[in-house]
PDB file of N, CA and C in Angstrom:
ATOM      1  N   MET A   1     101.340 148.468  27.856  1.00  0.00           N
ATOM      2  CA  MET A   1     101.525 148.220  26.450  1.00  0.00           C
ATOM      3  C   MET A   1     102.891 147.599  26.220  1.00  0.00           C
ATOM      4  N   CYS A   2     102.968 146.556  25.453  1.00  0.00           N
ATOM      5  CA  CYS A   2     104.229 145.897  25.139  1.00  0.00           C
ATOM      6  C   CYS A   2     105.005 146.726  24.124  1.00  0.00           C
ATOM      7  N   THR A   3     106.302 146.766  24.282  1.00  0.00           N
ATOM      8  CA  THR A   3     107.129 147.550  23.366  1.00  0.00           C
ATOM      9  C   THR A   3     107.564 146.726  22.157  1.00  0.00           C
ATOM     10  N   TYR A   4     107.561 145.428  22.278  1.00  0.00           N
ATOM     11  CA  TYR A   4     108.047 144.516  21.235  1.00  0.00           C
ATOM     12  C   TYR A   4     109.517 144.753  20.928  1.00  0.00           C
ATOM     13  N   GLN A   5     110.218 145.399  21.852  1.00  0.00           N
ATOM     14  CA  GLN A   5     111.650 145.609  21.696  1.00  0.00           C
ATOM     15  C   GLN A   5     112.376 144.688  22.665  1.00  0.00           C
ATOM     16  N   THR A   6     113.260 143.890  22.138  1.00  0.00           N
ATOM     17  CA  THR A   6     114.088 143.023  22.963  1.00  0.00           C
ATOM     18  C   THR A   6     115.522 143.485  22.814  1.00  0.00           C
ATOM     19  N   ILE A   7     116.139 143.791  23.936  1.00  0.00           N
ATOM     20  CA  ILE A   7     117.529 144.217  23.951  1.00  0.00           C
ATOM     21  C   ILE A   7     118.359 142.991  24.299  1.00  0.00           C
ATOM     22  N   LYS A   8     119.229 142.602  23.383  1.00  0.00           N
ATOM     23  CA  LYS A   8     120.067 141.421  23.594  1.00  0.00           C
ATOM     24  C   LYS A   8     121.484 141.848  23.953  1.00  0.00           C
ATOM     25  N   VAL A   9     122.131 141.027  24.768  1.00  0.00           N
ATOM     26  CA  VAL A   9     123.485 141.326  25.208  1.00  0.00           C
ATOM     27  C   VAL A   9     124.273 140.019  25.335  1.00  0.00           C
ATOM     28  N   ALA A  10     125.528 140.062  24.905  1.00  0.00           N
ATOM     29  CA  ALA A  10     126.423 138.916  25.104  1.00  0.00           C
ATOM     30  C   ALA A  10     126.905 138.962  26.550  1.00  0.00           C
ATOM     31  N   LEU A  11     126.905 137.823  27.220  1.00  0.00           N
ATOM     32  CA  LEU A  11     127.306 137.739  28.618  1.00  0.00           C
ATOM     33  C   LEU A  11     128.413 136.712  28.806  1.00  0.00           C
ATOM     34  N   ASP A  12     129.155 136.862  29.868  1.00  0.00           N
ATOM     35  CA  ASP A  12     130.201 135.910  30.234  1.00  0.00           C
ATOM     36  C   ASP A  12     130.070 135.673  31.725  1.00  0.00           C
ATOM     37  N   GLY A  13     129.497 134.551  32.085  1.00  0.00           N
ATOM     38  CA  GLY A  13     129.281 134.268  33.498  1.00  0.00           C
ATOM     39  C   GLY A  13     128.691 132.890  33.678  1.00  0.00           C
ATOM     40  N   ALA A  14     127.954 132.714  34.764  1.00  0.00           N
ATOM     41  CA  ALA A  14     127.322 131.430  35.071  1.00  0.00           C
ATOM     42  C   ALA A  14     125.973 131.698  35.714  1.00  0.00           C
ATOM     43  N   ALA A  15     125.071 130.753  35.572  1.00  0.00           N
ATOM     44  CA  ALA A  15     123.748 130.844  36.179  1.00  0.00           C
ATOM     45  C   ALA A  15     123.338 129.458  36.668  1.00  0.00           C
ATOM     46  N   LYS A  16     122.457 129.427  37.648  1.00  0.00           N
ATOM     47  CA  LYS A  16     121.969 128.152  38.168  1.00  0.00           C
ATOM     48  C   LYS A  16     120.517 127.987  37.771  1.00  0.00           C
ATOM     49  N   GLY A  17     120.243 126.985  36.976  1.00  0.00           N
ATOM     50  CA  GLY A  17     118.900 126.693  36.514  1.00  0.00           C
ATOM     51  C   GLY A  17     118.384 125.407  37.126  1.00  0.00           C
ATOM     52  N   ALA A  18     117.322 124.886  36.546  1.00  0.00           N
ATOM     53  CA  ALA A  18     116.676 123.677  37.061  1.00  0.00           C
ATOM     54  C   ALA A  18     117.607 122.470  37.078  1.00  0.00           C
ATOM     55  N   ASN A  19     118.552 122.424  36.134  1.00  0.00           N
ATOM     56  CA  ASN A  19     119.482 121.292  36.044  1.00  0.00           C
ATOM     57  C   ASN A  19     120.857 121.615  36.613  1.00  0.00           C
ATOM     58  N   GLY A  20     120.960 122.652  37.433  1.00  0.00           N
ATOM     59  CA  GLY A  20     122.239 123.026  38.038  1.00  0.00           C
ATOM     60  C   GLY A  20     122.894 124.183  37.304  1.00  0.00           C
ATOM     61  N   TRP A  21     124.179 124.369  37.537  1.00  0.00           N
ATOM     62  CA  TRP A  21     124.932 125.489  36.974  1.00  0.00           C
ATOM     63  C   TRP A  21     125.216 125.284  35.496  1.00  0.00           C
ATOM     64  N   PHE A  22     125.193 126.389  34.742  1.00  0.00           N
ATOM     65  CA  PHE A  22     125.566 126.356  33.333  1.00  0.00           C
ATOM     66  C   PHE A  22     126.280 127.658  32.982  1.00  0.00           C
ATOM     67  N   THR A  23     127.078 127.604  31.924  1.00  0.00           N
ATOM     68  CA  THR A  23     127.774 128.786  31.443  1.00  0.00           C
ATOM     69  C   THR A  23     126.771 129.730  30.803  1.00  0.00           C
ATOM     70  N   LEU A  24     126.869 130.985  31.161  1.00  0.00           N
ATOM     71  CA  LEU A  24     125.960 132.008  30.660  1.00  0.00           C
ATOM     72  C   LEU A  24     126.606 132.710  29.473  1.00  0.00           C
ATOM     73  N   THR A  25     125.896 132.777  28.350  1.00  0.00           N
ATOM     74  CA  THR A  25     126.449 133.410  27.149  1.00  0.00           C
ATOM     75  C   THR A  25     125.600 134.550  26.609  1.00  0.00           C
ATOM     76  N   ASP A  26     124.315 134.556  26.944  1.00  0.00           N
ATOM     77  CA  ASP A  26     123.400 135.534  26.346  1.00  0.00           C
ATOM     78  C   ASP A  26     122.412 136.066  27.378  1.00  0.00           C
ATOM     79  N   GLY A  27     121.963 137.285  27.112  1.00  0.00           N
ATOM     80  CA  GLY A  27     120.915 137.877  27.924  1.00  0.00           C
ATOM     81  C   GLY A  27     119.938 138.612  27.029  1.00  0.00           C
ATOM     82  N   ALA A  28     118.713 138.733  27.483  1.00  0.00           N
ATOM     83  CA  ALA A  28     117.693 139.484  26.754  1.00  0.00           C
ATOM     84  C   ALA A  28     116.830 140.210  27.776  1.00  0.00           C
ATOM     85  N   VAL A  29     116.522 141.469  27.489  1.00  0.00           N
ATOM     86  CA  VAL A  29     115.685 142.276  28.375  1.00  0.00           C
ATOM     87  C   VAL A  29     114.551 142.865  27.542  1.00  0.00           C
ATOM     88  N   TYR A  30     113.331 142.763  28.052  1.00  0.00           N
ATOM     89  CA  TYR A  30     112.175 143.278  27.324  1.00  0.00           C
ATOM     90  C   TYR A  30     111.033 143.557  28.297  1.00  0.00           C
ATOM     91  N   VAL A  31     110.127 144.437  27.905  1.00  0.00           N
ATOM     92  CA  VAL A  31     108.932 144.725  28.694  1.00  0.00           C
ATOM     93  C   VAL A  31     107.763 144.021  27.993  1.00  0.00           C
ATOM     94  N   ASP A  32     107.060 143.174  28.748  1.00  0.00           N
ATOM     95  CA  ASP A  32     105.994 142.375  28.137  1.00  0.00           C
ATOM     96  C   ASP A  32     105.089 141.848  29.248  1.00  0.00           C
ATOM     97  N   HIS A  33     104.094 141.091  28.850  1.00  0.00           N
ATOM     98  CA  HIS A  33     103.247 140.407  29.816  1.00  0.00           C
ATOM     99  C   HIS A  33     104.086 139.310  30.472  1.00  0.00           C
ATOM    100  N   PRO A  34     104.012 139.190  31.789  1.00  0.00           N
ATOM    101  CA  PRO A  34     104.772 138.123  32.454  1.00  0.00           C
ATOM    102  C   PRO A  34     104.067 136.772  32.312  1.00  0.00           C
ATOM    103  N   TYR A  35     104.819 135.717  32.499  1.00  0.00           N
ATOM    104  CA  TYR A  35     104.241 134.375  32.520  1.00  0.00           C
ATOM    105  C   TYR A  35     103.745 134.032  33.920  1.00  0.00           C
ATOM    106  N   HIS A  36     104.446 134.519  34.943  1.00  0.00           N
ATOM    107  CA  HIS A  36     104.121 134.097  36.295  1.00  0.00           C
ATOM    108  C   HIS A  36     103.788 135.249  37.239  1.00  0.00           C
ATOM    109  N   ALA A  37     104.487 136.359  37.157  1.00  0.00           N
ATOM    110  CA  ALA A  37     104.248 137.484  38.073  1.00  0.00           C
ATOM    111  C   ALA A  37     102.821 138.007  37.917  1.00  0.00           C
ATOM    112  N   CYS A  38     102.234 138.386  39.008  1.00  0.00           N
ATOM    113  CA  CYS A  38     100.852 138.883  38.995  1.00  0.00           C
ATOM    114  C   CYS A  38     100.828 140.374  38.675  1.00  0.00           C
ATOM    115  N   ARG A  39     101.213 140.725  37.486  1.00  0.00           N
ATOM    116  CA  ARG A  39     101.253 142.110  37.005  1.00  0.00           C
ATOM    117  C   ARG A  39     100.779 142.127  35.565  1.00  0.00           C
ATOM    118  N   GLU A  40     100.338 143.286  35.117  1.00  0.00           N
ATOM    119  CA  GLU A  40      99.932 143.425  33.711  1.00  0.00           C
ATOM    120  C   GLU A  40     101.153 143.362  32.789  1.00  0.00           C
ATOM    121  N   HIS A  41     102.228 144.046  33.183  1.00  0.00           N
ATOM    122  CA  HIS A  41     103.485 144.054  32.427  1.00  0.00           C
ATOM    123  C   HIS A  41     104.648 144.010  33.409  1.00  0.00           C
ATOM    124  N   THR A  42     105.745 143.443  32.973  1.00  0.00           N
ATOM    125  CA  THR A  42     106.958 143.412  33.791  1.00  0.00           C
ATOM    126  C   THR A  42     108.175 143.621  32.903  1.00  0.00           C
ATOM    127  N   VAL A  43     109.281 143.939  33.554  1.00  0.00           N
ATOM    128  CA  VAL A  43     110.579 143.944  32.882  1.00  0.00           C
ATOM    129  C   VAL A  43     111.080 142.511  32.986  1.00  0.00           C
ATOM    130  N   ASN A  44     111.251 141.872  31.851  1.00  0.00           N
ATOM    131  CA  ASN A  44     111.634 140.464  31.812  1.00  0.00           C
ATOM    132  C   ASN A  44     113.089 140.344  31.392  1.00  0.00           C
ATOM    133  N   ILE A  45     113.826 139.521  32.129  1.00  0.00           N
ATOM    134  CA  ILE A  45     115.234 139.294  31.834  1.00  0.00           C
ATOM    135  C   ILE A  45     115.437 137.798  31.678  1.00  0.00           C
ATOM    136  N   ASP A  46     115.983 137.404  30.551  1.00  0.00           N
ATOM    137  CA  ASP A  46     116.313 136.000  30.306  1.00  0.00           C
ATOM    138  C   ASP A  46     117.829 135.864  30.245  1.00  0.00           C
ATOM    139  N   PHE A  47     118.357 134.954  31.053  1.00  0.00           N
ATOM    140  CA  PHE A  47     119.769 134.603  31.028  1.00  0.00           C
ATOM    141  C   PHE A  47     119.850 133.219  30.402  1.00  0.00           C
ATOM    142  N   THR A  48     120.613 133.084  29.318  1.00  0.00           N
ATOM    143  CA  THR A  48     120.602 131.816  28.579  1.00  0.00           C
ATOM    144  C   THR A  48     121.984 131.406  28.069  1.00  0.00           C
ATOM    145  N   ASN A  49     122.042 130.153  27.639  1.00  0.00           N
ATOM    146  CA  ASN A  49     123.140 129.623  26.839  1.00  0.00           C
ATOM    147  C   ASN A  49     122.478 128.757  25.764  1.00  0.00           C
ATOM    148  N   PRO A  50     122.145 129.344  24.605  1.00  0.00           N
ATOM    149  CA  PRO A  50     121.435 128.603  23.562  1.00  0.00           C
ATOM    150  C   PRO A  50     122.127 127.306  23.145  1.00  0.00           C
ATOM    151  N   GLY A  51     123.443 127.265  23.244  1.00  0.00           N
ATOM    152  CA  GLY A  51     124.182 126.065  22.868  1.00  0.00           C
ATOM    153  C   GLY A  51     123.908 124.880  23.767  1.00  0.00           C
ATOM    154  N   ASP A  52     123.418 125.134  24.967  1.00  0.00           N
ATOM    155  CA  ASP A  52     123.117 124.057  25.909  1.00  0.00           C
ATOM    156  C   ASP A  52     121.644 123.660  25.915  1.00  0.00           C
ATOM    157  N   GLY A  53     120.853 124.248  25.024  1.00  0.00           N
ATOM    158  CA  GLY A  53     119.454 123.878  24.913  1.00  0.00           C
ATOM    159  C   GLY A  53     118.542 124.666  25.830  1.00  0.00           C
ATOM    160  N   PRO A  54     117.240 124.354  25.790  1.00  0.00           N
ATOM    161  CA  PRO A  54     116.239 125.141  26.512  1.00  0.00           C
ATOM    162  C   PRO A  54     116.355 125.071  28.037  1.00  0.00           C
ATOM    163  N   SER A  55     116.997 124.050  28.576  1.00  0.00           N
ATOM    164  CA  SER A  55     117.117 123.970  30.041  1.00  0.00           C
ATOM    165  C   SER A  55     118.158 124.947  30.583  1.00  0.00           C
ATOM    166  N   ALA A  56     119.007 125.496  29.711  1.00  0.00           N
ATOM    167  CA  ALA A  56     120.021 126.466  30.130  1.00  0.00           C
ATOM    168  C   ALA A  56     119.425 127.869  30.040  1.00  0.00           C
ATOM    169  N   ARG A  57     118.424 128.116  30.899  1.00  0.00           N
ATOM    170  CA  ARG A  57     117.719 129.401  30.894  1.00  0.00           C
ATOM    171  C   ARG A  57     117.242 129.719  32.304  1.00  0.00           C
ATOM    172  N   VAL A  58     117.447 130.973  32.681  1.00  0.00           N
ATOM    173  CA  VAL A  58     116.890 131.503  33.916  1.00  0.00           C
ATOM    174  C   VAL A  58     116.114 132.750  33.528  1.00  0.00           C
ATOM    175  N   ALA A  59     114.858 132.824  33.926  1.00  0.00           N
ATOM    176  CA  ALA A  59     114.003 133.963  33.591  1.00  0.00           C
ATOM    177  C   ALA A  59     113.647 134.725  34.859  1.00  0.00           C
ATOM    178  N   VAL A  60     113.620 136.056  34.748  1.00  0.00           N
ATOM    179  CA  VAL A  60     113.259 136.929  35.858  1.00  0.00           C
ATOM    180  C   VAL A  60     112.200 137.906  35.368  1.00  0.00           C
ATOM    181  N   GLU A  61     111.149 138.092  36.150  1.00  0.00           N
ATOM    182  CA  GLU A  61     110.096 139.061  35.845  1.00  0.00           C
ATOM    183  C   GLU A  61     110.038 140.062  36.993  1.00  0.00           C
ATOM    184  N   LEU A  62     110.326 141.331  36.700  1.00  0.00           N
ATOM    185  CA  LEU A  62     110.413 142.357  37.731  1.00  0.00           C
ATOM    186  C   LEU A  62     109.455 143.502  37.459  1.00  0.00           C
ATOM    187  N   THR A  63     108.981 144.129  38.527  1.00  0.00           N
ATOM    188  CA  THR A  63     108.260 145.375  38.358  1.00  0.00           C
ATOM    189  C   THR A  63     109.250 146.428  37.871  1.00  0.00           C
ATOM    190  N   GLU A  64     108.732 147.521  37.345  1.00  0.00           N
ATOM    191  CA  GLU A  64     109.611 148.610  36.909  1.00  0.00           C
ATOM    192  C   GLU A  64     110.467 149.105  38.073  1.00  0.00           C
ATOM    193  N   GLU A  65     109.844 149.242  39.245  1.00  0.00           N
ATOM    194  CA  GLU A  65     110.579 149.705  40.424  1.00  0.00           C
ATOM    195  C   GLU A  65     111.667 148.713  40.829  1.00  0.00           C
ATOM    196  N   GLY A  66     111.352 147.442  40.767  1.00  0.00           N
ATOM    197  CA  GLY A  66     112.328 146.413  41.100  1.00  0.00           C
ATOM    198  C   GLY A  66     113.493 146.391  40.124  1.00  0.00           C
ATOM    199  N   ALA A  67     113.195 146.557  38.845  1.00  0.00           N
ATOM    200  CA  ALA A  67     114.253 146.570  37.828  1.00  0.00           C
ATOM    201  C   ALA A  67     115.177 147.765  38.022  1.00  0.00           C
ATOM    202  N   LEU A  68     114.598 148.936  38.283  1.00  0.00           N
ATOM    203  CA  LEU A  68     115.423 150.123  38.513  1.00  0.00           C
ATOM    204  C   LEU A  68     116.265 149.974  39.777  1.00  0.00           C
ATOM    205  N   ALA A  69     115.706 149.374  40.826  1.00  0.00           N
ATOM    206  CA  ALA A  69     116.470 149.137  42.056  1.00  0.00           C
ATOM    207  C   ALA A  69     117.612 148.163  41.806  1.00  0.00           C
ATOM    208  N   LEU A  70     117.379 147.150  40.975  1.00  0.00           N
ATOM    209  CA  LEU A  70     118.431 146.193  40.640  1.00  0.00           C
ATOM    210  C   LEU A  70     119.562 146.865  39.870  1.00  0.00           C
ATOM    211  N   VAL A  71     119.217 147.716  38.900  1.00  0.00           N
ATOM    212  CA  VAL A  71     120.239 148.463  38.147  1.00  0.00           C
ATOM    213  C   VAL A  71     121.075 149.290  39.110  1.00  0.00           C
ATOM    214  N   GLU A  72     120.428 149.995  40.036  1.00  0.00           N
ATOM    215  CA  GLU A  72     121.156 150.826  40.998  1.00  0.00           C
ATOM    216  C   GLU A  72     122.049 149.980  41.903  1.00  0.00           C
ATOM    217  N   ALA A  73     121.543 148.838  42.359  1.00  0.00           N
ATOM    218  CA  ALA A  73     122.334 147.967  43.223  1.00  0.00           C
ATOM    219  C   ALA A  73     123.566 147.426  42.494  1.00  0.00           C
ATOM    220  N   ILE A  74     123.412 147.067  41.230  1.00  0.00           N
ATOM    221  CA  ILE A  74     124.554 146.590  40.437  1.00  0.00           C
ATOM    222  C   ILE A  74     125.584 147.700  40.293  1.00  0.00           C
ATOM    223  N   GLN A  75     125.126 148.916  40.003  1.00  0.00           N
ATOM    224  CA  GLN A  75     126.048 150.034  39.861  1.00  0.00           C
ATOM    225  C   GLN A  75     126.774 150.317  41.174  1.00  0.00           C
ATOM    226  N   GLN A  76     126.077 150.258  42.290  1.00  0.00           N
ATOM    227  CA  GLN A  76     126.705 150.494  43.585  1.00  0.00           C
ATOM    228  C   GLN A  76     127.735 149.412  43.910  1.00  0.00           C
ATOM    229  N   ALA A  77     127.394 148.151  43.632  1.00  0.00           N
ATOM    230  CA  ALA A  77     128.326 147.058  43.909  1.00  0.00           C
ATOM    231  C   ALA A  77     129.596 147.189  43.075  1.00  0.00           C
ATOM    232  N   LEU A  78     129.442 147.531  41.795  1.00  0.00           N
ATOM    233  CA  LEU A  78     130.612 147.700  40.933  1.00  0.00           C
ATOM    234  C   LEU A  78     131.439 148.912  41.342  1.00  0.00           C
ATOM    235  N   SER A  79     130.779 149.977  41.765  1.00  0.00           N
ATOM    236  CA  SER A  79     131.491 151.183  42.199  1.00  0.00           C
ATOM    237  C   SER A  79     132.291 150.942  43.473  1.00  0.00           C
ATOM    238  N   ALA A  80     131.837 150.028  44.317  1.00  0.00           N
ATOM    239  CA  ALA A  80     132.502 149.746  45.581  1.00  0.00           C
ATOM    240  C   ALA A  80     133.714 148.829  45.423  1.00  0.00           C
ATOM    241  N   ALA A  81     133.840 148.194  44.279  1.00  0.00           N
ATOM    242  CA  ALA A  81     134.950 147.251  44.044  1.00  0.00           C
ATOM    243  C   ALA A  81     136.043 147.931  43.218  1.00  0.00           C
ATOM    244  N   PRO A  82     137.293 147.487  43.372  1.00  0.00           N
ATOM    245  CA  PRO A  82     138.356 148.031  42.529  1.00  0.00           C
ATOM    246  C   PRO A  82     138.046 147.774  41.056  1.00  0.00           C
ATOM    247  N   PRO A  83     138.368 148.733  40.174  1.00  0.00           N
ATOM    248  CA  PRO A  83     138.101 148.554  38.737  1.00  0.00           C
ATOM    249  C   PRO A  83     138.696 147.246  38.207  1.00  0.00           C
ATOM    250  N   GLY A  84     137.896 146.505  37.456  1.00  0.00           N
ATOM    251  CA  GLY A  84     138.357 145.259  36.838  1.00  0.00           C
ATOM    252  C   GLY A  84     138.308 144.037  37.727  1.00  0.00           C
ATOM    253  N   LEU A  85     137.996 144.205  39.020  1.00  0.00           N
ATOM    254  CA  LEU A  85     138.004 143.069  39.933  1.00  0.00           C
ATOM    255  C   LEU A  85     137.060 141.964  39.492  1.00  0.00           C
ATOM    256  N   ALA A  86     135.862 142.318  39.033  1.00  0.00           N
ATOM    257  CA  ALA A  86     134.869 141.315  38.637  1.00  0.00           C
ATOM    258  C   ALA A  86     135.183 140.711  37.267  1.00  0.00           C
ATOM    259  N   SER A  87     136.212 141.210  36.590  1.00  0.00           N
ATOM    260  CA  SER A  87     136.601 140.659  35.290  1.00  0.00           C
ATOM    261  C   SER A  87     137.750 139.669  35.393  1.00  0.00           C
ATOM    262  N   ARG A  88     138.434 139.675  36.518  1.00  0.00           N
ATOM    263  CA  ARG A  88     139.620 138.816  36.692  1.00  0.00           C
ATOM    264  C   ARG A  88     139.203 137.357  36.838  1.00  0.00           C
ATOM    265  N   ARG A  89     139.990 136.506  36.247  1.00  0.00           N
ATOM    266  CA  ARG A  89     139.747 135.062  36.385  1.00  0.00           C
ATOM    267  C   ARG A  89     140.290 134.592  37.713  1.00  0.00           C
ATOM    268  N   GLY A  90     139.560 133.659  38.315  1.00  0.00           N
ATOM    269  CA  GLY A  90     140.008 133.083  39.595  1.00  0.00           C
ATOM    270  C   GLY A  90     141.139 132.097  39.375  1.00  0.00           C
ATOM    271  N   ALA A  91     141.795 131.742  40.443  1.00  0.00           N
ATOM    272  CA  ALA A  91     142.887 130.764  40.370  1.00  0.00           C
ATOM    273  C   ALA A  91     142.316 129.387  40.073  1.00  0.00           C
ATOM    274  N   ALA A  92     143.006 128.642  39.254  1.00  0.00           N
ATOM    275  CA  ALA A  92     142.548 127.300  38.874  1.00  0.00           C
ATOM    276  C   ALA A  92     142.916 126.275  39.909  1.00  0.00           C
TER     277      ALA A  92
END
């Protein structure tokens, strides 16, 4: 059953789409019917930059188990790094 709830989040990063790399500004997470995955429902994650148009989008469709494993992996990776390391800007 679809929840019709979309959780939106502001993001600061980069993603690689069909036209190459773009600045990432927005994310959306929702449970719905997938477009491509062979499942009845999936956890769908859209990474976008609306200012760059429809080509600035990367979509992910995950099983519930896959989504939970991804959350855990992100938490483990962040826990293993010094606090704030992933927020620091690189040298120009």
